[in-house]
């Protein structure tokens, strides 16, 4: 990191060691046309992405002692488009699950959606209004395992029904792993999701709220996805949707969760929301 002062979001040596092999392999497969190795350290590129994720700053407001905006954008978009961000995430997830005595991939996932306000400048053709929650913007759908680790994410217009988000999530889960046999959902997901689940070999169960409950009452097993939504709010770039493309918003989720998992694997405590 040269001689600059570290930021709290910077990768430690131990955390970078978890990510470096993937980045180094990618770099070796994408040599510069001029033959040089690049002007900026890959670790600093990742540090810049994590800084932006945690602080929520605009591209042009990245600190001057980090690589320039153009370089950080270049790698963010490249890794988004070729799936490197998900490769890093999945490798970390497998390590966390193994550390917890689990198989690499789960047999059960929990699905949920969250509607977010979109920032000014986000294209109108990728946003909408959630008629139920009265939120204009985008809808983020998550599939997580019982440990609260991300299995799949989709981002679409908030006007899209939860059914469409659920179906898209099931397709992603089925495409990425053949081990998932059951999915838990809330009552916002309708019969269409269960029917689609059968076509991809996943049994969809609706976890129904007790009519006698008042206020917020965590539902068994389903509560873990709510916890993940809360953890993501520590990353201010995810509090509102700032991305022009839904694919960029999905990539932001992968980087945020990868940041969390690298802390778990290195026994590094993450700051609580009170410190954020």
C-alpha atoms as a PDB file:
ATOM      1  CA  UNK A   1       0.000   0.000   0.000  1.00  0.00           C
ATOM      2  CA  UNK A   2       3.060   2.200  -0.410  1.00  0.00           C
ATOM      3  CA  UNK A   3       3.289   4.825   2.325  1.00  0.00           C
ATOM      4  CA  UNK A   4      -0.344   5.873   2.541  1.00  0.00           C
ATOM      5  CA  UNK A   5      -2.254   5.784   5.803  1.00  0.00           C
ATOM      6  CA  UNK A   6      -4.538   2.714   5.978  1.00  0.00           C
ATOM      7  CA  UNK A   7      -8.322   2.918   5.904  1.00  0.00           C
ATOM      8  CA  UNK A   8     -10.466   0.755   8.164  1.00  0.00           C
ATOM      9  CA  UNK A   9     -11.856  -0.982   5.092  1.00  0.00           C
ATOM     10  CA  UNK A  10      -8.407  -2.069   3.826  1.00  0.00           C
ATOM     11  CA  UNK A  11      -7.608  -5.743   3.494  1.00  0.00           C
ATOM     12  CA  UNK A  12      -5.186  -7.118   6.054  1.00  0.00           C
ATOM     13  CA  UNK A  13      -2.343  -9.330   4.819  1.00  0.00           C
ATOM     14  CA  UNK A  14      -4.298 -12.393   5.953  1.00  0.00           C
ATOM     15  CA  UNK A  15      -7.495 -11.347   4.192  1.00  0.00           C
ATOM     16  CA  UNK A  16      -5.643 -10.440   0.993  1.00  0.00           C
ATOM     17  CA  UNK A  17      -4.008 -13.877   1.022  1.00  0.00           C
ATOM     18  CA  UNK A  18      -7.496 -15.411   0.690  1.00  0.00           C
ATOM     19  CA  UNK A  19      -8.314 -13.362  -2.410  1.00  0.00           C
ATOM     20  CA  UNK A  20      -4.933 -12.917  -4.091  1.00  0.00           C
ATOM     21  CA  UNK A  21      -4.753 -16.328  -5.836  1.00  0.00           C
ATOM     22  CA  UNK A  22      -7.960 -15.635  -7.774  1.00  0.00           C
ATOM     23  CA  UNK A  23      -6.881 -12.113  -8.705  1.00  0.00           C
ATOM     24  CA  UNK A  24      -3.382 -13.258  -9.666  1.00  0.00           C
ATOM     25  CA  UNK A  25      -4.810 -16.012 -11.851  1.00  0.00           C
ATOM     26  CA  UNK A  26      -7.182 -13.553 -13.518  1.00  0.00           C
ATOM     27  CA  UNK A  27      -4.353 -11.102 -14.129  1.00  0.00           C
ATOM     28  CA  UNK A  28      -2.212 -13.813 -15.707  1.00  0.00           C
ATOM     29  CA  UNK A  29      -5.052 -14.652 -18.099  1.00  0.00           C
ATOM     30  CA  UNK A  30      -5.597 -11.002 -19.026  1.00  0.00           C
ATOM     31  CA  UNK A  31      -2.169  -9.585 -19.879  1.00  0.00           C
ATOM     32  CA  UNK A  32      -1.913  -5.982 -21.028  1.00  0.00           C
ATOM     33  CA  UNK A  33      -1.752  -5.534 -24.803  1.00  0.00           C
ATOM     34  CA  UNK A  34       1.429  -3.527 -24.276  1.00  0.00           C
ATOM     35  CA  UNK A  35       2.968  -6.274 -22.166  1.00  0.00           C
ATOM     36  CA  UNK A  36       3.343  -4.334 -18.918  1.00  0.00           C
ATOM     37  CA  UNK A  37       1.996  -5.635 -15.609  1.00  0.00           C
ATOM     38  CA  UNK A  38      -0.151  -2.620 -14.867  1.00  0.00           C
ATOM     39  CA  UNK A  39       0.503   0.553 -12.942  1.00  0.00           C
ATOM     40  CA  UNK A  40      -1.669  -0.229  -9.907  1.00  0.00           C
ATOM     41  CA  UNK A  41      -1.468  -2.993  -7.339  1.00  0.00           C
ATOM     42  CA  UNK A  42      -4.437  -5.336  -7.484  1.00  0.00           C
ATOM     43  CA  UNK A  43      -4.705  -5.231  -3.706  1.00  0.00           C
ATOM     44  CA  UNK A  44      -5.213  -1.475  -3.900  1.00  0.00           C
ATOM     45  CA  UNK A  45      -7.930  -1.897  -6.516  1.00  0.00           C
ATOM     46  CA  UNK A  46      -9.817  -4.229  -4.170  1.00  0.00           C
ATOM     47  CA  UNK A  47      -9.186  -1.833  -1.260  1.00  0.00           C
ATOM     48  CA  UNK A  48     -10.778   0.952  -3.301  1.00  0.00           C
ATOM     49  CA  UNK A  49     -13.861  -1.189  -4.000  1.00  0.00           C
ATOM     50  CA  UNK A  50     -14.220  -2.070  -0.325  1.00  0.00           C
ATOM     51  CA  UNK A  51     -13.744   1.572   0.684  1.00  0.00           C
ATOM     52  CA  UNK A  52     -16.537   2.623  -1.656  1.00  0.00           C
ATOM     53  CA  UNK A  53     -18.745  -0.229  -0.443  1.00  0.00           C
ATOM     54  CA  UNK A  54     -18.338   0.749   3.204  1.00  0.00           C
ATOM     55  CA  UNK A  55     -18.566   4.518   2.814  1.00  0.00           C
ATOM     56  CA  UNK A  56     -21.025   4.720  -0.081  1.00  0.00           C
ATOM     57  CA  UNK A  57     -19.052   7.492  -1.790  1.00  0.00           C
ATOM     58  CA  UNK A  58     -19.468   8.358  -5.458  1.00  0.00           C
ATOM     59  CA  UNK A  59     -16.874   7.205  -7.971  1.00  0.00           C
ATOM     60  CA  UNK A  60     -15.367  10.664  -8.316  1.00  0.00           C
ATOM     61  CA  UNK A  61     -15.018  10.975  -4.536  1.00  0.00           C
ATOM     62  CA  UNK A  62     -12.640   8.062  -4.081  1.00  0.00           C
ATOM     63  CA  UNK A  63      -9.620   9.328  -2.084  1.00  0.00           C
ATOM     64  CA  UNK A  64      -6.641  10.478  -4.128  1.00  0.00           C
ATOM     65  CA  UNK A  65      -4.294   8.052  -2.379  1.00  0.00           C
ATOM     66  CA  UNK A  66      -6.233   5.099  -3.822  1.00  0.00           C
ATOM     67  CA  UNK A  67      -5.971   4.162  -7.528  1.00  0.00           C
ATOM     68  CA  UNK A  68      -7.779   6.588  -9.845  1.00  0.00           C
ATOM     69  CA  UNK A  69     -11.474   6.181 -10.528  1.00  0.00           C
ATOM     70  CA  UNK A  70     -10.951   5.041 -14.113  1.00  0.00           C
ATOM     71  CA  UNK A  71      -8.726   2.140 -13.063  1.00  0.00           C
ATOM     72  CA  UNK A  72     -11.046   1.009 -10.254  1.00  0.00           C
ATOM     73  CA  UNK A  73     -14.080   1.190 -12.552  1.00  0.00           C
ATOM     74  CA  UNK A  74     -12.265  -0.834 -15.203  1.00  0.00           C
ATOM     75  CA  UNK A  75     -11.620  -3.753 -12.873  1.00  0.00           C
ATOM     76  CA  UNK A  76     -15.018  -3.554 -11.155  1.00  0.00           C
ATOM     77  CA  UNK A  77     -16.807  -3.842 -14.500  1.00  0.00           C
ATOM     78  CA  UNK A  78     -14.434  -6.520 -15.835  1.00  0.00           C
ATOM     79  CA  UNK A  79     -14.846  -8.686 -12.735  1.00  0.00           C
ATOM     80  CA  UNK A  80     -18.608  -8.108 -12.759  1.00  0.00           C
ATOM     81  CA  UNK A  81     -18.982  -9.150 -16.390  1.00  0.00           C
ATOM     82  CA  UNK A  82     -16.783 -12.256 -16.297  1.00  0.00           C
ATOM     83  CA  UNK A  83     -17.984 -13.450 -12.878  1.00  0.00           C
ATOM     84  CA  UNK A  84     -14.684 -13.045 -11.015  1.00  0.00           C
ATOM     85  CA  UNK A  85     -16.513 -11.296  -8.174  1.00  0.00           C
ATOM     86  CA  UNK A  86     -18.737 -14.352  -7.713  1.00  0.00           C
ATOM     87  CA  UNK A  87     -15.782 -16.749  -7.999  1.00  0.00           C
ATOM     88  CA  UNK A  88     -14.061 -14.957  -5.099  1.00  0.00           C
ATOM     89  CA  UNK A  89     -17.295 -14.965  -3.119  1.00  0.00           C
ATOM     90  CA  UNK A  90     -18.047 -18.648  -3.709  1.00  0.00           C
ATOM     91  CA  UNK A  91     -14.533 -19.784  -2.789  1.00  0.00           C
ATOM     92  CA  UNK A  92     -14.757 -17.874   0.488  1.00  0.00           C
ATOM     93  CA  UNK A  93     -18.233 -19.268   1.165  1.00  0.00           C
ATOM     94  CA  UNK A  94     -17.035 -22.845   0.674  1.00  0.00           C
ATOM     95  CA  UNK A  95     -14.206 -22.230   3.139  1.00  0.00           C
ATOM     96  CA  UNK A  96     -16.564 -20.756   5.749  1.00  0.00           C
ATOM     97  CA  UNK A  97     -18.978 -23.679   5.398  1.00  0.00           C
ATOM     98  CA  UNK A  98     -16.114 -26.190   5.670  1.00  0.00           C
ATOM     99  CA  UNK A  99     -14.861 -24.410   8.772  1.00  0.00           C
ATOM    100  CA  UNK A 100     -18.334 -24.805  10.289  1.00  0.00           C
ATOM    101  CA  UNK A 101     -18.336 -28.527   9.537  1.00  0.00           C
ATOM    102  CA  UNK A 102     -20.694 -28.224   6.551  1.00  0.00           C
ATOM    103  CA  UNK A 103     -20.540 -29.518   2.996  1.00  0.00           C
ATOM    104  CA  UNK A 104     -19.443 -27.007   0.354  1.00  0.00           C
ATOM    105  CA  UNK A 105     -23.008 -26.365  -0.838  1.00  0.00           C
ATOM    106  CA  UNK A 106     -26.238 -26.379   1.191  1.00  0.00           C
ATOM    107  CA  UNK A 107     -29.342 -28.512   0.882  1.00  0.00           C
ATOM    108  CA  UNK A 108     -31.683 -25.748   2.096  1.00  0.00           C
ATOM    109  CA  UNK A 109     -31.917 -22.043   1.248  1.00  0.00           C
ATOM    110  CA  UNK A 110     -34.061 -19.165   2.466  1.00  0.00           C
ATOM    111  CA  UNK A 111     -35.434 -16.644  -0.033  1.00  0.00           C
ATOM    112  CA  UNK A 112     -36.474 -13.057   0.584  1.00  0.00           C
ATOM    113  CA  UNK A 113     -36.750  -9.722  -1.196  1.00  0.00           C
ATOM    114  CA  UNK A 114     -36.087  -6.164  -0.105  1.00  0.00           C
ATOM    115  CA  UNK A 115     -37.197  -3.018  -1.930  1.00  0.00           C
ATOM    116  CA  UNK A 116     -34.716  -0.136  -2.011  1.00  0.00           C
ATOM    117  CA  UNK A 117     -34.958   3.479  -3.056  1.00  0.00           C
ATOM    118  CA  UNK A 118     -32.974   4.220  -6.202  1.00  0.00           C
ATOM    119  CA  UNK A 119     -30.599   7.173  -6.299  1.00  0.00           C
ATOM    120  CA  UNK A 120     -30.986  10.089  -8.682  1.00  0.00           C
ATOM    121  CA  UNK A 121     -29.557   9.200 -12.064  1.00  0.00           C
ATOM    122  CA  UNK A 122     -30.463   5.511 -11.953  1.00  0.00           C
ATOM    123  CA  UNK A 123     -32.162   4.745 -15.315  1.00  0.00           C
ATOM    124  CA  UNK A 124     -35.945   4.744 -15.097  1.00  0.00           C
ATOM    125  CA  UNK A 125     -36.219   1.673 -17.332  1.00  0.00           C
ATOM    126  CA  UNK A 126     -34.560  -0.477 -14.635  1.00  0.00           C
ATOM    127  CA  UNK A 127     -36.615   0.838 -11.720  1.00  0.00           C
ATOM    128  CA  UNK A 128     -40.251   0.822 -10.651  1.00  0.00           C
ATOM    129  CA  UNK A 129     -42.534   1.251  -7.672  1.00  0.00           C
ATOM    130  CA  UNK A 130     -43.269  -1.507  -5.181  1.00  0.00           C
ATOM    131  CA  UNK A 131     -47.051  -1.136  -4.888  1.00  0.00           C
ATOM    132  CA  UNK A 132     -47.206  -2.985  -1.550  1.00  0.00           C
ATOM    133  CA  UNK A 133     -44.278  -1.332   0.226  1.00  0.00           C
ATOM    134  CA  UNK A 134     -44.707   2.023  -1.543  1.00  0.00           C
ATOM    135  CA  UNK A 135     -41.002   2.118  -2.405  1.00  0.00           C
ATOM    136  CA  UNK A 136     -39.823   3.537  -5.749  1.00  0.00           C
ATOM    137  CA  UNK A 137     -36.604   1.957  -6.923  1.00  0.00           C
ATOM    138  CA  UNK A 138     -35.294  -1.578  -7.171  1.00  0.00           C
ATOM    139  CA  UNK A 139     -35.958  -4.944  -5.571  1.00  0.00           C
ATOM    140  CA  UNK A 140     -33.082  -7.064  -4.251  1.00  0.00           C
ATOM    141  CA  UNK A 141     -33.691 -10.786  -3.867  1.00  0.00           C
ATOM    142  CA  UNK A 142     -31.448 -13.017  -1.775  1.00  0.00           C
ATOM    143  CA  UNK A 143     -31.068 -16.761  -1.350  1.00  0.00           C
ATOM    144  CA  UNK A 144     -29.013 -17.634   1.738  1.00  0.00           C
ATOM    145  CA  UNK A 145     -28.149 -20.823   3.600  1.00  0.00           C
ATOM    146  CA  UNK A 146     -28.864 -21.495   7.281  1.00  0.00           C
ATOM    147  CA  UNK A 147     -25.529 -19.893   8.231  1.00  0.00           C
ATOM    148  CA  UNK A 148     -26.546 -16.639   6.559  1.00  0.00           C
ATOM    149  CA  UNK A 149     -24.148 -17.104   3.646  1.00  0.00           C
ATOM    150  CA  UNK A 150     -25.202 -15.871   0.238  1.00  0.00           C
ATOM    151  CA  UNK A 151     -26.095 -18.464  -2.387  1.00  0.00           C
ATOM    152  CA  UNK A 152     -27.684 -16.212  -5.015  1.00  0.00           C
ATOM    153  CA  UNK A 153     -28.713 -12.595  -5.560  1.00  0.00           C
ATOM    154  CA  UNK A 154     -30.952 -10.919  -8.137  1.00  0.00           C
ATOM    155  CA  UNK A 155     -31.740  -7.231  -8.612  1.00  0.00           C
ATOM    156  CA  UNK A 156     -34.695  -5.961 -10.623  1.00  0.00           C
ATOM    157  CA  UNK A 157     -37.226  -3.138 -10.711  1.00  0.00           C
ATOM    158  CA  UNK A 158     -39.184  -2.755  -7.456  1.00  0.00           C
ATOM    159  CA  UNK A 159     -42.420  -3.036  -9.437  1.00  0.00           C
ATOM    160  CA  UNK A 160     -41.624  -6.661 -10.276  1.00  0.00           C
ATOM    161  CA  UNK A 161     -43.681  -9.094  -8.180  1.00  0.00           C
ATOM    162  CA  UNK A 162     -41.933 -11.235  -5.573  1.00  0.00           C
ATOM    163  CA  UNK A 163     -42.916 -14.269  -7.661  1.00  0.00           C
ATOM    164  CA  UNK A 164     -40.617 -13.162 -10.489  1.00  0.00           C
ATOM    165  CA  UNK A 165     -37.786 -12.531  -8.042  1.00  0.00           C
ATOM    166  CA  UNK A 166     -38.344 -15.920  -6.419  1.00  0.00           C
ATOM    167  CA  UNK A 167     -38.340 -17.722  -9.763  1.00  0.00           C
ATOM    168  CA  UNK A 168     -35.135 -15.933 -10.809  1.00  0.00           C
ATOM    169  CA  UNK A 169     -33.497 -16.864  -7.509  1.00  0.00           C
ATOM    170  CA  UNK A 170     -34.493 -20.523  -7.852  1.00  0.00           C
ATOM    171  CA  UNK A 171     -33.031 -20.576 -11.365  1.00  0.00           C
ATOM    172  CA  UNK A 172     -29.753 -19.139 -10.104  1.00  0.00           C
ATOM    173  CA  UNK A 173     -29.583 -21.536  -7.175  1.00  0.00           C
ATOM    174  CA  UNK A 174     -30.281 -24.522  -9.430  1.00  0.00           C
ATOM    175  CA  UNK A 175     -27.696 -23.356 -11.977  1.00  0.00           C
ATOM    176  CA  UNK A 176     -24.954 -22.885  -9.381  1.00  0.00           C
ATOM    177  CA  UNK A 177     -25.479 -26.015  -7.285  1.00  0.00           C
ATOM    178  CA  UNK A 178     -27.308 -29.330  -7.540  1.00  0.00           C
ATOM    179  CA  UNK A 179     -27.445 -29.901  -3.779  1.00  0.00           C
ATOM    180  CA  UNK A 180     -30.299 -27.574  -2.814  1.00  0.00           C
ATOM    181  CA  UNK A 181     -33.523 -29.536  -2.341  1.00  0.00           C
ATOM    182  CA  UNK A 182     -35.648 -27.144  -0.280  1.00  0.00           C
ATOM    183  CA  UNK A 183     -36.337 -23.403  -0.106  1.00  0.00           C
ATOM    184  CA  UNK A 184     -38.174 -21.498   2.632  1.00  0.00           C
ATOM    185  CA  UNK A 185     -40.109 -18.367   1.664  1.00  0.00           C
ATOM    186  CA  UNK A 186     -42.529 -15.968   3.318  1.00  0.00           C
ATOM    187  CA  UNK A 187     -46.166 -15.407   2.394  1.00  0.00           C
ATOM    188  CA  UNK A 188     -45.244 -12.766  -0.185  1.00  0.00           C
ATOM    189  CA  UNK A 189     -44.296 -15.569  -2.558  1.00  0.00           C
ATOM    190  CA  UNK A 190     -47.246 -17.264  -4.231  1.00  0.00           C
ATOM    191  CA  UNK A 191     -47.973 -20.649  -5.786  1.00  0.00           C
ATOM    192  CA  UNK A 192     -46.088 -19.810  -8.983  1.00  0.00           C
ATOM    193  CA  UNK A 193     -42.791 -19.982  -7.101  1.00  0.00           C
ATOM    194  CA  UNK A 194     -43.624 -23.414  -5.672  1.00  0.00           C
ATOM    195  CA  UNK A 195     -44.615 -24.679  -9.120  1.00  0.00           C
ATOM    196  CA  UNK A 196     -41.377 -23.403 -10.619  1.00  0.00           C
ATOM    197  CA  UNK A 197     -39.429 -24.950  -7.753  1.00  0.00           C
ATOM    198  CA  UNK A 198     -40.731 -28.371  -8.739  1.00  0.00           C
ATOM    199  CA  UNK A 199     -39.424 -27.896 -12.279  1.00  0.00           C
ATOM    200  CA  UNK A 200     -35.869 -27.308 -10.986  1.00  0.00           C
ATOM    201  CA  UNK A 201     -36.036 -29.950  -8.256  1.00  0.00           C
ATOM    202  CA  UNK A 202     -36.465 -27.629  -5.274  1.00  0.00           C
ATOM    203  CA  UNK A 203     -39.340 -28.017  -2.802  1.00  0.00           C
ATOM    204  CA  UNK A 204     -40.641 -24.563  -1.837  1.00  0.00           C
ATOM    205  CA  UNK A 205     -42.219 -24.215   1.610  1.00  0.00           C
ATOM    206  CA  UNK A 206     -44.073 -21.103   2.750  1.00  0.00           C
ATOM    207  CA  UNK A 207     -43.277 -20.250   6.379  1.00  0.00           C
ATOM    208  CA  UNK A 208     -46.522 -18.754   7.649  1.00  0.00           C
ATOM    209  CA  UNK A 209     -46.716 -16.148  10.366  1.00  0.00           C
ATOM    210  CA  UNK A 210     -48.701 -16.972  13.494  1.00  0.00           C
ATOM    211  CA  UNK A 211     -51.884 -14.837  13.280  1.00  0.00           C
ATOM    212  CA  UNK A 212     -51.646 -14.207  17.026  1.00  0.00           C
ATOM    213  CA  UNK A 213     -48.223 -12.538  16.709  1.00  0.00           C
ATOM    214  CA  UNK A 214     -48.026  -8.751  16.820  1.00  0.00           C
ATOM    215  CA  UNK A 215     -45.094  -6.652  15.662  1.00  0.00           C
ATOM    216  CA  UNK A 216     -41.888  -8.160  14.351  1.00  0.00           C
ATOM    217  CA  UNK A 217     -41.470 -11.798  15.342  1.00  0.00           C
ATOM    218  CA  UNK A 218     -38.503 -13.731  13.855  1.00  0.00           C
ATOM    219  CA  UNK A 219     -39.634 -16.876  12.072  1.00  0.00           C
ATOM    220  CA  UNK A 220     -37.638 -20.084  12.639  1.00  0.00           C
ATOM    221  CA  UNK A 221     -34.842 -20.497  10.053  1.00  0.00           C
ATOM    222  CA  UNK A 222     -36.285 -17.676   7.919  1.00  0.00           C
ATOM    223  CA  UNK A 223     -34.897 -15.028  10.286  1.00  0.00           C
ATOM    224  CA  UNK A 224     -31.371 -15.597   8.968  1.00  0.00           C
ATOM    225  CA  UNK A 225     -32.098 -13.814   5.677  1.00  0.00           C
ATOM    226  CA  UNK A 226     -33.342 -10.789   7.616  1.00  0.00           C
ATOM    227  CA  UNK A 227     -30.044 -10.824   9.489  1.00  0.00           C
ATOM    228  CA  UNK A 228     -28.143 -10.767   6.190  1.00  0.00           C
ATOM    229  CA  UNK A 229     -30.189  -7.776   5.021  1.00  0.00           C
ATOM    230  CA  UNK A 230     -29.214  -6.011   8.235  1.00  0.00           C
ATOM    231  CA  UNK A 231     -25.526  -6.863   7.870  1.00  0.00           C
ATOM    232  CA  UNK A 232     -25.506  -5.444   4.347  1.00  0.00           C
ATOM    233  CA  UNK A 233     -26.681  -2.104   5.694  1.00  0.00           C
ATOM    234  CA  UNK A 234     -23.193  -1.716   7.209  1.00  0.00           C
ATOM    235  CA  UNK A 235     -22.120  -1.172   3.602  1.00  0.00           C
ATOM    236  CA  UNK A 236     -23.575   2.218   2.786  1.00  0.00           C
ATOM    237  CA  UNK A 237     -23.332   1.618  -0.948  1.00  0.00           C
ATOM    238  CA  UNK A 238     -26.089  -0.981  -0.435  1.00  0.00           C
ATOM    239  CA  UNK A 239     -28.439   1.155   1.674  1.00  0.00           C
ATOM    240  CA  UNK A 240     -29.754   2.717  -1.533  1.00  0.00           C
ATOM    241  CA  UNK A 241     -29.344   1.483  -5.105  1.00  0.00           C
ATOM    242  CA  UNK A 242     -26.823   3.742  -6.826  1.00  0.00           C
ATOM    243  CA  UNK A 243     -25.955   1.483  -9.743  1.00  0.00           C
ATOM    244  CA  UNK A 244     -26.987   2.169 -13.323  1.00  0.00           C
ATOM    245  CA  UNK A 245     -27.146  -1.543 -14.111  1.00  0.00           C
ATOM    246  CA  UNK A 246     -28.767  -4.219 -11.932  1.00  0.00           C
ATOM    247  CA  UNK A 247     -25.723  -6.418 -12.592  1.00  0.00           C
ATOM    248  CA  UNK A 248     -23.551  -3.822 -10.847  1.00  0.00           C
ATOM    249  CA  UNK A 249     -25.904  -3.835  -7.865  1.00  0.00           C
ATOM    250  CA  UNK A 250     -25.577  -7.634  -7.677  1.00  0.00           C
ATOM    251  CA  UNK A 251     -21.789  -7.348  -7.835  1.00  0.00           C
ATOM    252  CA  UNK A 252     -21.837  -4.919  -4.909  1.00  0.00           C
ATOM    253  CA  UNK A 253     -23.600  -7.572  -2.828  1.00  0.00           C
ATOM    254  CA  UNK A 254     -20.958 -10.169  -3.672  1.00  0.00           C
ATOM    255  CA  UNK A 255     -18.146  -7.803  -2.646  1.00  0.00           C
ATOM    256  CA  UNK A 256     -19.874  -6.849   0.615  1.00  0.00           C
ATOM    257  CA  UNK A 257     -20.476 -10.462   1.625  1.00  0.00           C
ATOM    258  CA  UNK A 258     -16.950 -11.449   0.546  1.00  0.00           C
ATOM    259  CA  UNK A 259     -15.651  -8.699   2.808  1.00  0.00           C
ATOM    260  CA  UNK A 260     -17.608 -10.184   5.704  1.00  0.00           C
ATOM    261  CA  UNK A 261     -16.510 -13.763   5.024  1.00  0.00           C
ATOM    262  CA  UNK A 262     -12.842 -12.809   4.778  1.00  0.00           C
ATOM    263  CA  UNK A 263     -13.187 -11.369   8.292  1.00  0.00           C
ATOM    264  CA  UNK A 264     -14.812 -14.585   9.525  1.00  0.00           C
ATOM    265  CA  UNK A 265     -12.023 -16.713   8.066  1.00  0.00           C
ATOM    266  CA  UNK A 266      -9.285 -14.576   9.613  1.00  0.00           C
ATOM    267  CA  UNK A 267     -11.070 -14.107  12.948  1.00  0.00           C
ATOM    268  CA  UNK A 268     -11.215 -10.370  12.361  1.00  0.00           C
ATOM    269  CA  UNK A 269     -14.051  -8.603  14.129  1.00  0.00           C
ATOM    270  CA  UNK A 270     -16.186  -6.387  11.927  1.00  0.00           C
ATOM    271  CA  UNK A 271     -17.444  -3.051  13.322  1.00  0.00           C
ATOM    272  CA  UNK A 272     -21.047  -3.089  14.455  1.00  0.00           C
ATOM    273  CA  UNK A 273     -23.678  -0.787  13.047  1.00  0.00           C
ATOM    274  CA  UNK A 274     -23.086   1.502  16.027  1.00  0.00           C
ATOM    275  CA  UNK A 275     -19.540   2.103  14.773  1.00  0.00           C
ATOM    276  CA  UNK A 276     -20.445   2.368  11.110  1.00  0.00           C
END
